[in-house]
Amino acid sequence: MDNNLKKEERQIIAMIIGFIAVIIFGLMAMFISQFGGLEALTPVHFAIGFIKAGIVFSIFFFVFGLYGNGRKQRLIQKWEAKGWKTTAYVGNVSTEYRYAVCEEGPLKGDQIDYHVRYVYHVDDKIYYHDIVTQFEKWEPQLTVWYDKNHPKHHVTSEYSESKRKYYGWVFTIVLTLAAFLSGFSS
């Protein structure tokens, strides 16, 4: 319970920081309009843009759960509580070579894709989880949470909550700024 409180506090702080950032950008725009001669930046348009940005930010922050638990995280919690968890081990590794796209830069030279197959057992049946990586290092084992009725449906410990949150932040900020700027188009 205490851990959830801390998470809720972090979410509230993140929301406040987001609103402060929008206010700062808005105040900068107001300052420019007062002294820079940009006719479109009026207080009415600023207010409309701020209201639109606040609505968009709130929707993406709460409704879409960008900072709460995503679908995969909810499945992990559900299956963890029921004890539907096992360990998968590397079963097979194969390589696939791709030829260079260009002669210089990051795509220079031949590329190697490693196809790593993880194997896990549920009720004496074998199931697989395949990944493709361009790095020669991978985990020797993964934790697998699965649906007891359909063990092919699973989520692994390679799932990155931080990556989802990063893209959620980027998506939310870009759409919030777009909504703010749309207030000046009327």
N, C-alpha and C. Protein backbone atom coordinates (compact mmCIF):
# COMPACT_ATOMS: atom_id res chain seq x y z
N MET A 1 0.83 -1.19 0.00
CA MET A 1 0.00 0.00 0.00
C MET A 1 0.87 1.25 0.00
N ASP A 2 1.93 1.27 0.82
CA ASP A 2 2.82 2.42 0.90
C ASP A 2 3.51 2.66 -0.45
N ASN A 3 3.87 1.58 -1.14
CA ASN A 3 4.49 1.70 -2.44
C ASN A 3 3.55 2.37 -3.44
N ASN A 4 2.25 2.03 -3.38
CA ASN A 4 1.27 2.67 -4.27
C ASN A 4 1.13 4.15 -3.98
N LEU A 5 1.20 4.53 -2.68
CA LEU A 5 1.13 5.94 -2.34
C LEU A 5 2.30 6.68 -2.97
N LYS A 6 3.47 6.13 -2.90
CA LYS A 6 4.63 6.78 -3.48
C LYS A 6 4.45 6.92 -4.98
N LYS A 7 3.88 5.91 -5.62
CA LYS A 7 3.66 5.97 -7.06
C LYS A 7 2.65 7.06 -7.39
N GLU A 8 1.58 7.16 -6.61
CA GLU A 8 0.59 8.20 -6.84
C GLU A 8 1.20 9.58 -6.62
N GLU A 9 2.04 9.72 -5.61
CA GLU A 9 2.71 11.00 -5.37
C GLU A 9 3.61 11.36 -6.54
N ARG A 10 4.33 10.39 -7.09
CA ARG A 10 5.19 10.66 -8.25
C ARG A 10 4.35 11.08 -9.45
N GLN A 11 3.20 10.46 -9.62
CA GLN A 11 2.33 10.82 -10.74
C GLN A 11 1.82 12.26 -10.59
N ILE A 12 1.44 12.63 -9.39
CA ILE A 12 0.94 13.99 -9.15
C ILE A 12 2.06 15.00 -9.38
N ILE A 13 3.26 14.69 -8.90
CA ILE A 13 4.40 15.59 -9.11
C ILE A 13 4.70 15.73 -10.59
N ALA A 14 4.66 14.62 -11.33
CA ALA A 14 4.91 14.67 -12.78
C ALA A 14 3.85 15.51 -13.47
N MET A 15 2.60 15.40 -13.06
CA MET A 15 1.54 16.20 -13.66
C MET A 15 1.76 17.68 -13.37
N ILE A 16 2.13 18.01 -12.15
CA ILE A 16 2.37 19.40 -11.79
C ILE A 16 3.54 19.97 -12.59
N ILE A 17 4.61 19.19 -12.74
CA ILE A 17 5.75 19.64 -13.53
C ILE A 17 5.34 19.88 -14.98
N GLY A 18 4.52 19.01 -15.52
CA GLY A 18 4.04 19.18 -16.88
C GLY A 18 3.24 20.46 -17.05
N PHE A 19 2.34 20.73 -16.10
CA PHE A 19 1.56 21.96 -16.18
C PHE A 19 2.45 23.19 -16.01
N ILE A 20 3.44 23.12 -15.13
CA ILE A 20 4.37 24.24 -14.96
C ILE A 20 5.13 24.50 -16.26
N ALA A 21 5.55 23.43 -16.93
CA ALA A 21 6.26 23.60 -18.21
C ALA A 21 5.36 24.28 -19.23
N VAL A 22 4.10 23.89 -19.30
CA VAL A 22 3.17 24.52 -20.23
C VAL A 22 2.98 25.99 -19.88
N ILE A 23 2.87 26.29 -18.59
CA ILE A 23 2.71 27.69 -18.16
C ILE A 23 3.94 28.51 -18.54
N ILE A 24 5.12 27.95 -18.32
CA ILE A 24 6.35 28.67 -18.66
C ILE A 24 6.42 28.96 -20.15
N PHE A 25 6.11 27.97 -20.99
CA PHE A 25 6.10 28.20 -22.43
C PHE A 25 5.05 29.25 -22.80
N GLY A 26 3.92 29.21 -22.14
CA GLY A 26 2.88 30.19 -22.41
C GLY A 26 3.29 31.59 -22.00
N LEU A 27 3.93 31.71 -20.84
CA LEU A 27 4.41 33.02 -20.39
C LEU A 27 5.49 33.56 -21.32
N MET A 28 6.33 32.67 -21.83
CA MET A 28 7.33 33.11 -22.80
C MET A 28 6.64 33.64 -24.05
N ALA A 29 5.60 32.97 -24.49
CA ALA A 29 4.86 33.42 -25.67
C ALA A 29 4.19 34.77 -25.40
N MET A 30 3.64 34.93 -24.20
CA MET A 30 3.02 36.21 -23.83
C MET A 30 4.06 37.33 -23.83
N PHE A 31 5.22 37.04 -23.29
CA PHE A 31 6.30 38.03 -23.24
C PHE A 31 6.69 38.45 -24.66
N ILE A 32 6.83 37.45 -25.55
CA ILE A 32 7.18 37.75 -26.94
C ILE A 32 6.09 38.59 -27.59
N SER A 33 4.83 38.28 -27.32
CA SER A 33 3.74 39.03 -27.95
C SER A 33 3.71 40.48 -27.46
N GLN A 34 4.08 40.73 -26.21
CA GLN A 34 4.08 42.09 -25.67
C GLN A 34 5.20 42.93 -26.26
N PHE A 35 6.35 42.31 -26.48
CA PHE A 35 7.51 43.09 -26.90
C PHE A 35 8.02 42.73 -28.30
N GLY A 36 7.52 41.67 -28.90
CA GLY A 36 8.06 41.25 -30.18
C GLY A 36 7.15 41.52 -31.36
N GLY A 37 5.92 41.91 -31.13
CA GLY A 37 5.04 42.27 -32.22
C GLY A 37 4.38 41.10 -32.92
N LEU A 38 4.31 39.93 -32.31
CA LEU A 38 3.60 38.81 -32.92
C LEU A 38 2.11 38.98 -32.63
N GLU A 39 1.36 39.37 -33.64
CA GLU A 39 -0.04 39.73 -33.44
C GLU A 39 -0.92 38.55 -32.99
N ALA A 40 -0.54 37.34 -33.37
CA ALA A 40 -1.39 36.18 -33.07
C ALA A 40 -1.38 35.81 -31.60
N LEU A 41 -0.41 36.27 -30.86
CA LEU A 41 -0.29 35.88 -29.45
C LEU A 41 -1.05 36.86 -28.56
N THR A 42 -2.35 36.68 -28.50
CA THR A 42 -3.19 37.53 -27.65
C THR A 42 -3.55 36.76 -26.38
N PRO A 43 -3.94 37.48 -25.32
CA PRO A 43 -4.32 36.78 -24.08
C PRO A 43 -5.48 35.79 -24.27
N VAL A 44 -6.41 36.11 -25.16
CA VAL A 44 -7.54 35.20 -25.40
C VAL A 44 -7.04 33.91 -26.04
N HIS A 45 -6.18 34.04 -27.05
CA HIS A 45 -5.64 32.85 -27.70
C HIS A 45 -4.77 32.05 -26.73
N PHE A 46 -4.03 32.76 -25.89
CA PHE A 46 -3.21 32.08 -24.89
C PHE A 46 -4.11 31.25 -23.96
N ALA A 47 -5.20 31.83 -23.50
CA ALA A 47 -6.12 31.12 -22.60
C ALA A 47 -6.73 29.90 -23.29
N ILE A 48 -7.14 30.06 -24.54
CA ILE A 48 -7.72 28.93 -25.29
C ILE A 48 -6.68 27.82 -25.46
N GLY A 49 -5.46 28.22 -25.83
CA GLY A 49 -4.38 27.24 -25.98
C GLY A 49 -4.07 26.53 -24.68
N PHE A 50 -4.05 27.27 -23.59
CA PHE A 50 -3.76 26.68 -22.28
C PHE A 50 -4.85 25.69 -21.88
N ILE A 51 -6.10 26.04 -22.13
CA ILE A 51 -7.21 25.13 -21.79
C ILE A 51 -7.12 23.86 -22.62
N LYS A 52 -6.88 24.01 -23.93
CA LYS A 52 -6.74 22.83 -24.80
C LYS A 52 -5.57 21.95 -24.35
N ALA A 53 -4.44 22.58 -24.02
CA ALA A 53 -3.27 21.82 -23.58
C ALA A 53 -3.55 21.08 -22.28
N GLY A 54 -4.25 21.73 -21.37
CA GLY A 54 -4.59 21.08 -20.10
C GLY A 54 -5.48 19.87 -20.29
N ILE A 55 -6.45 19.98 -21.19
CA ILE A 55 -7.36 18.87 -21.46
C ILE A 55 -6.60 17.70 -22.09
N VAL A 56 -5.78 18.00 -23.11
CA VAL A 56 -5.02 16.94 -23.78
C VAL A 56 -4.06 16.27 -22.80
N PHE A 57 -3.36 17.08 -21.99
CA PHE A 57 -2.42 16.51 -21.02
C PHE A 57 -3.13 15.60 -20.04
N SER A 58 -4.28 16.06 -19.52
CA SER A 58 -5.03 15.25 -18.55
C SER A 58 -5.50 13.93 -19.15
N ILE A 59 -5.99 13.98 -20.39
CA ILE A 59 -6.47 12.76 -21.04
C ILE A 59 -5.34 11.75 -21.18
N PHE A 60 -4.21 12.19 -21.72
CA PHE A 60 -3.11 11.26 -21.93
C PHE A 60 -2.48 10.82 -20.62
N PHE A 61 -2.51 11.67 -19.62
CA PHE A 61 -1.90 11.32 -18.34
C PHE A 61 -2.72 10.28 -17.60
N PHE A 62 -4.03 10.43 -17.59
CA PHE A 62 -4.88 9.55 -16.79
C PHE A 62 -5.60 8.47 -17.60
N VAL A 63 -6.32 8.85 -18.62
CA VAL A 63 -7.18 7.91 -19.34
C VAL A 63 -6.36 6.83 -20.03
N PHE A 64 -5.32 7.20 -20.77
CA PHE A 64 -4.54 6.22 -21.50
C PHE A 64 -3.51 5.52 -20.64
N GLY A 65 -3.36 5.92 -19.40
CA GLY A 65 -2.49 5.22 -18.47
C GLY A 65 -1.03 5.24 -18.85
N LEU A 66 -0.55 6.35 -19.41
CA LEU A 66 0.84 6.39 -19.82
C LEU A 66 1.80 6.32 -18.63
N TYR A 67 1.30 6.69 -17.46
CA TYR A 67 2.17 6.70 -16.29
C TYR A 67 1.70 5.72 -15.23
N GLY A 68 0.67 5.00 -15.53
CA GLY A 68 0.19 3.97 -14.63
C GLY A 68 0.61 2.62 -15.18
N ASN A 69 -0.17 1.63 -14.91
CA ASN A 69 0.15 0.30 -15.41
C ASN A 69 -0.42 0.11 -16.80
N GLY A 70 0.43 -0.30 -17.70
CA GLY A 70 0.00 -0.63 -19.04
C GLY A 70 -0.60 -2.02 -19.06
N ARG A 71 -1.05 -2.45 -20.22
CA ARG A 71 -1.69 -3.76 -20.37
C ARG A 71 -0.77 -4.88 -19.94
N LYS A 72 0.47 -4.85 -20.40
CA LYS A 72 1.41 -5.93 -20.06
C LYS A 72 1.72 -5.94 -18.57
N GLN A 73 1.86 -4.76 -17.98
CA GLN A 73 2.14 -4.70 -16.54
C GLN A 73 0.96 -5.24 -15.74
N ARG A 74 -0.26 -4.96 -16.17
CA ARG A 74 -1.43 -5.50 -15.47
C ARG A 74 -1.49 -7.02 -15.58
N LEU A 75 -1.11 -7.56 -16.77
CA LEU A 75 -1.08 -9.02 -16.93
C LEU A 75 -0.03 -9.63 -16.00
N ILE A 76 1.13 -9.01 -15.92
CA ILE A 76 2.17 -9.52 -15.02
C ILE A 76 1.66 -9.57 -13.59
N GLN A 77 1.03 -8.49 -13.13
CA GLN A 77 0.51 -8.45 -11.76
C GLN A 77 -0.56 -9.51 -11.53
N LYS A 78 -1.45 -9.68 -12.50
CA LYS A 78 -2.53 -10.66 -12.38
C LYS A 78 -1.98 -12.08 -12.32
N TRP A 79 -1.07 -12.41 -13.25
CA TRP A 79 -0.54 -13.76 -13.31
C TRP A 79 0.44 -14.04 -12.17
N GLU A 80 1.14 -13.02 -11.71
CA GLU A 80 2.03 -13.18 -10.55
C GLU A 80 1.21 -13.54 -9.31
N ALA A 81 0.08 -12.87 -9.12
CA ALA A 81 -0.77 -13.14 -7.96
C ALA A 81 -1.31 -14.56 -7.98
N LYS A 82 -1.53 -15.12 -9.17
CA LYS A 82 -2.04 -16.48 -9.28
C LYS A 82 -0.93 -17.52 -9.32
N GLY A 83 0.31 -17.05 -9.33
CA GLY A 83 1.44 -17.99 -9.34
C GLY A 83 1.74 -18.57 -10.71
N TRP A 84 1.26 -17.94 -11.78
CA TRP A 84 1.47 -18.43 -13.14
C TRP A 84 2.75 -17.83 -13.70
N LYS A 85 3.85 -18.33 -13.19
CA LYS A 85 5.16 -17.77 -13.51
C LYS A 85 6.16 -18.91 -13.60
N THR A 86 7.07 -18.80 -14.55
CA THR A 86 8.11 -19.82 -14.70
C THR A 86 9.36 -19.14 -15.26
N THR A 87 10.39 -19.93 -15.50
CA THR A 87 11.64 -19.42 -16.05
C THR A 87 11.88 -20.03 -17.42
N ALA A 88 12.28 -19.18 -18.36
CA ALA A 88 12.61 -19.65 -19.71
C ALA A 88 14.12 -19.60 -19.87
N TYR A 89 14.65 -20.60 -20.55
CA TYR A 89 16.10 -20.69 -20.78
C TYR A 89 16.38 -20.65 -22.27
N VAL A 90 17.58 -20.21 -22.62
CA VAL A 90 17.97 -20.16 -24.02
C VAL A 90 17.97 -21.58 -24.58
N GLY A 91 17.21 -21.76 -25.65
CA GLY A 91 17.13 -23.08 -26.26
C GLY A 91 17.91 -23.16 -27.55
N ASN A 92 17.94 -22.07 -28.31
CA ASN A 92 18.60 -22.10 -29.59
C ASN A 92 18.96 -20.66 -29.98
N VAL A 93 20.09 -20.50 -30.64
CA VAL A 93 20.51 -19.20 -31.15
C VAL A 93 20.93 -19.38 -32.60
N SER A 94 20.40 -18.56 -33.47
CA SER A 94 20.82 -18.59 -34.87
C SER A 94 21.15 -17.16 -35.30
N THR A 95 21.91 -17.05 -36.35
CA THR A 95 22.29 -15.73 -36.84
C THR A 95 21.81 -15.54 -38.27
N GLU A 96 21.56 -14.30 -38.59
CA GLU A 96 21.15 -13.93 -39.95
C GLU A 96 21.97 -12.70 -40.33
N TYR A 97 22.63 -12.78 -41.46
CA TYR A 97 23.47 -11.68 -41.91
C TYR A 97 22.71 -10.80 -42.89
N ARG A 98 22.87 -9.50 -42.71
CA ARG A 98 22.30 -8.53 -43.64
C ARG A 98 23.45 -7.75 -44.24
N TYR A 99 23.33 -7.42 -45.47
CA TYR A 99 24.39 -6.68 -46.13
C TYR A 99 24.20 -5.19 -45.93
N ALA A 100 25.28 -4.45 -46.01
CA ALA A 100 25.28 -3.02 -45.74
C ALA A 100 24.33 -2.26 -46.66
N VAL A 101 23.68 -1.28 -46.08
CA VAL A 101 22.78 -0.43 -46.85
C VAL A 101 23.57 0.73 -47.47
N CYS A 102 24.56 1.24 -46.74
CA CYS A 102 25.37 2.34 -47.25
C CYS A 102 26.83 2.08 -46.91
N GLU A 103 27.70 2.87 -47.47
CA GLU A 103 29.13 2.62 -47.29
C GLU A 103 29.72 3.36 -46.10
N GLU A 104 28.97 4.33 -45.52
CA GLU A 104 29.46 5.05 -44.36
C GLU A 104 28.32 5.25 -43.38
N GLY A 105 28.67 5.54 -42.14
CA GLY A 105 27.67 5.81 -41.12
C GLY A 105 27.34 4.57 -40.31
N PRO A 106 26.25 4.65 -39.53
CA PRO A 106 25.92 3.54 -38.63
C PRO A 106 25.50 2.26 -39.34
N LEU A 107 25.10 2.35 -40.59
CA LEU A 107 24.67 1.15 -41.32
C LEU A 107 25.78 0.58 -42.18
N LYS A 108 27.00 1.08 -41.97
CA LYS A 108 28.14 0.60 -42.77
C LYS A 108 28.49 -0.82 -42.35
N GLY A 109 28.86 -1.62 -43.32
CA GLY A 109 29.28 -2.99 -43.03
C GLY A 109 28.12 -3.94 -42.89
N ASP A 110 28.45 -5.20 -42.79
CA ASP A 110 27.41 -6.23 -42.64
C ASP A 110 26.82 -6.17 -41.24
N GLN A 111 25.53 -6.42 -41.16
CA GLN A 111 24.81 -6.44 -39.89
C GLN A 111 24.46 -7.89 -39.56
N ILE A 112 24.49 -8.19 -38.27
CA ILE A 112 24.14 -9.54 -37.82
C ILE A 112 22.94 -9.44 -36.90
N ASP A 113 21.91 -10.22 -37.17
CA ASP A 113 20.77 -10.35 -36.27
C ASP A 113 20.88 -11.70 -35.57
N TYR A 114 20.75 -11.68 -34.27
CA TYR A 114 20.75 -12.92 -33.49
C TYR A 114 19.31 -13.26 -33.16
N HIS A 115 18.89 -14.43 -33.56
CA HIS A 115 17.55 -14.93 -33.24
C HIS A 115 17.71 -15.87 -32.04
N VAL A 116 17.18 -15.43 -30.90
CA VAL A 116 17.32 -16.19 -29.66
C VAL A 116 15.97 -16.79 -29.31
N ARG A 117 15.93 -18.08 -29.14
CA ARG A 117 14.70 -18.77 -28.77
C ARG A 117 14.82 -19.20 -27.31
N TYR A 118 13.87 -18.71 -26.52
CA TYR A 118 13.77 -19.12 -25.11
C TYR A 118 12.71 -20.20 -25.01
N VAL A 119 12.97 -21.19 -24.18
CA VAL A 119 12.07 -22.32 -24.01
C VAL A 119 11.57 -22.33 -22.57
N TYR A 120 10.26 -22.50 -22.40
CA TYR A 120 9.71 -22.65 -21.05
C TYR A 120 8.69 -23.78 -21.06
N HIS A 121 8.49 -24.38 -19.89
CA HIS A 121 7.61 -25.55 -19.73
C HIS A 121 6.43 -25.19 -18.84
N VAL A 122 5.25 -25.59 -19.29
CA VAL A 122 4.04 -25.45 -18.48
C VAL A 122 3.28 -26.76 -18.61
N ASP A 123 3.02 -27.42 -17.49
CA ASP A 123 2.31 -28.70 -17.48
C ASP A 123 2.92 -29.70 -18.45
N ASP A 124 4.22 -29.84 -18.40
CA ASP A 124 4.98 -30.79 -19.23
C ASP A 124 4.85 -30.54 -20.73
N LYS A 125 4.47 -29.34 -21.12
CA LYS A 125 4.45 -28.96 -22.54
C LYS A 125 5.49 -27.86 -22.75
N ILE A 126 6.05 -27.85 -23.94
CA ILE A 126 7.11 -26.90 -24.27
C ILE A 126 6.52 -25.72 -25.04
N TYR A 127 6.90 -24.52 -24.62
CA TYR A 127 6.50 -23.29 -25.30
C TYR A 127 7.74 -22.46 -25.58
N TYR A 128 7.60 -21.53 -26.53
CA TYR A 128 8.75 -20.75 -26.97
C TYR A 128 8.47 -19.26 -26.88
N HIS A 129 9.55 -18.52 -26.72
CA HIS A 129 9.52 -17.06 -26.84
C HIS A 129 10.74 -16.66 -27.65
N ASP A 130 10.53 -16.05 -28.80
CA ASP A 130 11.63 -15.67 -29.69
C ASP A 130 11.89 -14.17 -29.63
N ILE A 131 13.17 -13.81 -29.64
CA ILE A 131 13.55 -12.41 -29.75
C ILE A 131 14.60 -12.29 -30.84
N VAL A 132 14.69 -11.10 -31.41
CA VAL A 132 15.73 -10.79 -32.38
C VAL A 132 16.50 -9.61 -31.82
N THR A 133 17.81 -9.75 -31.73
CA THR A 133 18.65 -8.69 -31.21
C THR A 133 19.87 -8.53 -32.10
N GLN A 134 20.43 -7.35 -32.09
CA GLN A 134 21.64 -7.10 -32.86
C GLN A 134 22.86 -7.11 -31.96
N PHE A 135 22.65 -7.37 -30.69
CA PHE A 135 23.75 -7.42 -29.73
C PHE A 135 24.08 -8.87 -29.42
N GLU A 136 25.34 -9.12 -29.23
CA GLU A 136 25.78 -10.49 -29.00
C GLU A 136 25.50 -10.95 -27.57
N LYS A 137 25.12 -10.04 -26.70
CA LYS A 137 24.82 -10.41 -25.31
C LYS A 137 23.32 -10.43 -25.11
N TRP A 138 22.84 -11.46 -24.45
CA TRP A 138 21.43 -11.58 -24.08
C TRP A 138 21.37 -12.34 -22.77
N GLU A 139 20.25 -12.23 -22.14
CA GLU A 139 20.07 -12.89 -20.85
C GLU A 139 20.03 -14.41 -21.02
N PRO A 140 20.70 -15.16 -20.13
CA PRO A 140 20.66 -16.61 -20.24
C PRO A 140 19.30 -17.20 -19.85
N GLN A 141 18.53 -16.41 -19.10
CA GLN A 141 17.19 -16.87 -18.72
C GLN A 141 16.28 -15.65 -18.55
N LEU A 142 15.00 -15.87 -18.73
CA LEU A 142 13.98 -14.84 -18.57
C LEU A 142 12.88 -15.36 -17.67
N THR A 143 12.26 -14.45 -16.95
CA THR A 143 11.05 -14.81 -16.21
C THR A 143 9.87 -14.68 -17.16
N VAL A 144 8.99 -15.67 -17.13
CA VAL A 144 7.82 -15.69 -18.01
C VAL A 144 6.57 -15.78 -17.15
N TRP A 145 5.65 -14.83 -17.36
CA TRP A 145 4.33 -14.90 -16.75
C TRP A 145 3.39 -15.33 -17.86
N TYR A 146 2.52 -16.27 -17.58
CA TYR A 146 1.68 -16.86 -18.65
C TYR A 146 0.25 -17.04 -18.17
N ASP A 147 -0.64 -17.21 -19.14
CA ASP A 147 -2.04 -17.50 -18.88
C ASP A 147 -2.15 -19.01 -18.73
N LYS A 148 -2.63 -19.46 -17.60
CA LYS A 148 -2.70 -20.90 -17.32
C LYS A 148 -3.58 -21.63 -18.34
N ASN A 149 -4.64 -20.99 -18.82
CA ASN A 149 -5.53 -21.62 -19.79
C ASN A 149 -4.94 -21.63 -21.20
N HIS A 150 -4.09 -20.67 -21.51
CA HIS A 150 -3.45 -20.56 -22.82
C HIS A 150 -1.99 -20.16 -22.62
N PRO A 151 -1.12 -21.10 -22.27
CA PRO A 151 0.27 -20.76 -21.93
C PRO A 151 1.06 -20.10 -23.06
N LYS A 152 0.55 -20.17 -24.29
CA LYS A 152 1.23 -19.45 -25.37
C LYS A 152 1.15 -17.94 -25.16
N HIS A 153 0.10 -17.47 -24.46
CA HIS A 153 -0.04 -16.05 -24.15
C HIS A 153 0.82 -15.76 -22.93
N HIS A 154 1.85 -14.97 -23.13
CA HIS A 154 2.79 -14.73 -22.04
C HIS A 154 3.41 -13.33 -22.13
N VAL A 155 4.03 -12.91 -21.04
CA VAL A 155 4.80 -11.67 -20.97
C VAL A 155 6.12 -12.04 -20.31
N THR A 156 7.22 -11.51 -20.84
CA THR A 156 8.53 -11.85 -20.29
C THR A 156 9.13 -10.67 -19.55
N SER A 157 10.20 -10.97 -18.80
CA SER A 157 10.88 -9.94 -18.02
C SER A 157 11.67 -8.98 -18.90
N GLU A 158 11.77 -9.25 -20.20
CA GLU A 158 12.44 -8.31 -21.11
C GLU A 158 11.56 -7.10 -21.40
N TYR A 159 10.27 -7.21 -21.06
CA TYR A 159 9.33 -6.11 -21.25
C TYR A 159 9.83 -4.90 -20.45
N SER A 160 9.92 -3.76 -21.07
CA SER A 160 10.53 -2.59 -20.47
C SER A 160 9.47 -1.55 -20.10
N GLU A 161 9.20 -1.43 -18.82
CA GLU A 161 8.27 -0.43 -18.33
C GLU A 161 8.84 0.98 -18.55
N SER A 162 10.14 1.14 -18.37
CA SER A 162 10.75 2.46 -18.52
C SER A 162 10.68 2.94 -19.97
N LYS A 163 10.83 2.03 -20.93
CA LYS A 163 10.74 2.40 -22.34
C LYS A 163 9.32 2.87 -22.68
N ARG A 164 8.32 2.18 -22.16
CA ARG A 164 6.93 2.57 -22.41
C ARG A 164 6.66 3.95 -21.82
N LYS A 165 7.18 4.21 -20.62
CA LYS A 165 6.96 5.50 -19.99
C LYS A 165 7.69 6.61 -20.75
N TYR A 166 8.88 6.32 -21.25
CA TYR A 166 9.63 7.32 -22.01
C TYR A 166 8.85 7.74 -23.25
N TYR A 167 8.37 6.77 -24.03
CA TYR A 167 7.59 7.10 -25.22
C TYR A 167 6.27 7.75 -24.85
N GLY A 168 5.70 7.38 -23.73
CA GLY A 168 4.48 8.02 -23.25
C GLY A 168 4.70 9.49 -22.94
N TRP A 169 5.82 9.79 -22.29
CA TRP A 169 6.15 11.19 -21.99
C TRP A 169 6.33 11.97 -23.29
N VAL A 170 7.10 11.45 -24.22
CA VAL A 170 7.35 12.15 -25.48
C VAL A 170 6.04 12.41 -26.21
N PHE A 171 5.21 11.38 -26.32
CA PHE A 171 3.93 11.49 -27.01
C PHE A 171 3.03 12.53 -26.33
N THR A 172 2.97 12.49 -25.01
CA THR A 172 2.12 13.42 -24.26
C THR A 172 2.60 14.85 -24.42
N ILE A 173 3.90 15.09 -24.32
CA ILE A 173 4.43 16.45 -24.42
C ILE A 173 4.20 17.02 -25.82
N VAL A 174 4.45 16.22 -26.84
CA VAL A 174 4.26 16.70 -28.21
C VAL A 174 2.79 17.05 -28.45
N LEU A 175 1.88 16.18 -28.04
CA LEU A 175 0.46 16.47 -28.26
C LEU A 175 -0.03 17.64 -27.41
N THR A 176 0.52 17.79 -26.20
CA THR A 176 0.14 18.92 -25.35
C THR A 176 0.59 20.23 -25.99
N LEU A 177 1.82 20.27 -26.50
CA LEU A 177 2.29 21.49 -27.17
C LEU A 177 1.48 21.77 -28.44
N ALA A 178 1.13 20.73 -29.18
CA ALA A 178 0.31 20.92 -30.37
C ALA A 178 -1.06 21.49 -30.00
N ALA A 179 -1.64 20.98 -28.92
CA ALA A 179 -2.93 21.51 -28.48
C ALA A 179 -2.81 22.95 -28.04
N PHE A 180 -1.73 23.29 -27.34
CA PHE A 180 -1.50 24.66 -26.91
C PHE A 180 -1.40 25.59 -28.12
N LEU A 181 -0.62 25.19 -29.12
CA LEU A 181 -0.43 26.03 -30.30
C LEU A 181 -1.71 26.13 -31.14
N SER A 182 -2.57 25.09 -31.06
CA SER A 182 -3.81 25.14 -31.82
C SER A 182 -4.75 26.23 -31.30
N GLY A 183 -4.53 26.67 -30.07
CA GLY A 183 -5.34 27.76 -29.53
C GLY A 183 -5.09 29.07 -30.25
N PHE A 184 -3.97 29.19 -30.95
CA PHE A 184 -3.64 30.44 -31.66
C PHE A 184 -4.14 30.43 -33.10
N SER A 185 -4.74 29.34 -33.52
CA SER A 185 -5.16 29.25 -34.92
C SER A 185 -6.57 29.77 -35.15
N SER A 186 -7.29 30.05 -34.08
CA SER A 186 -8.69 30.47 -34.29
C SER A 186 -8.83 31.94 -34.55
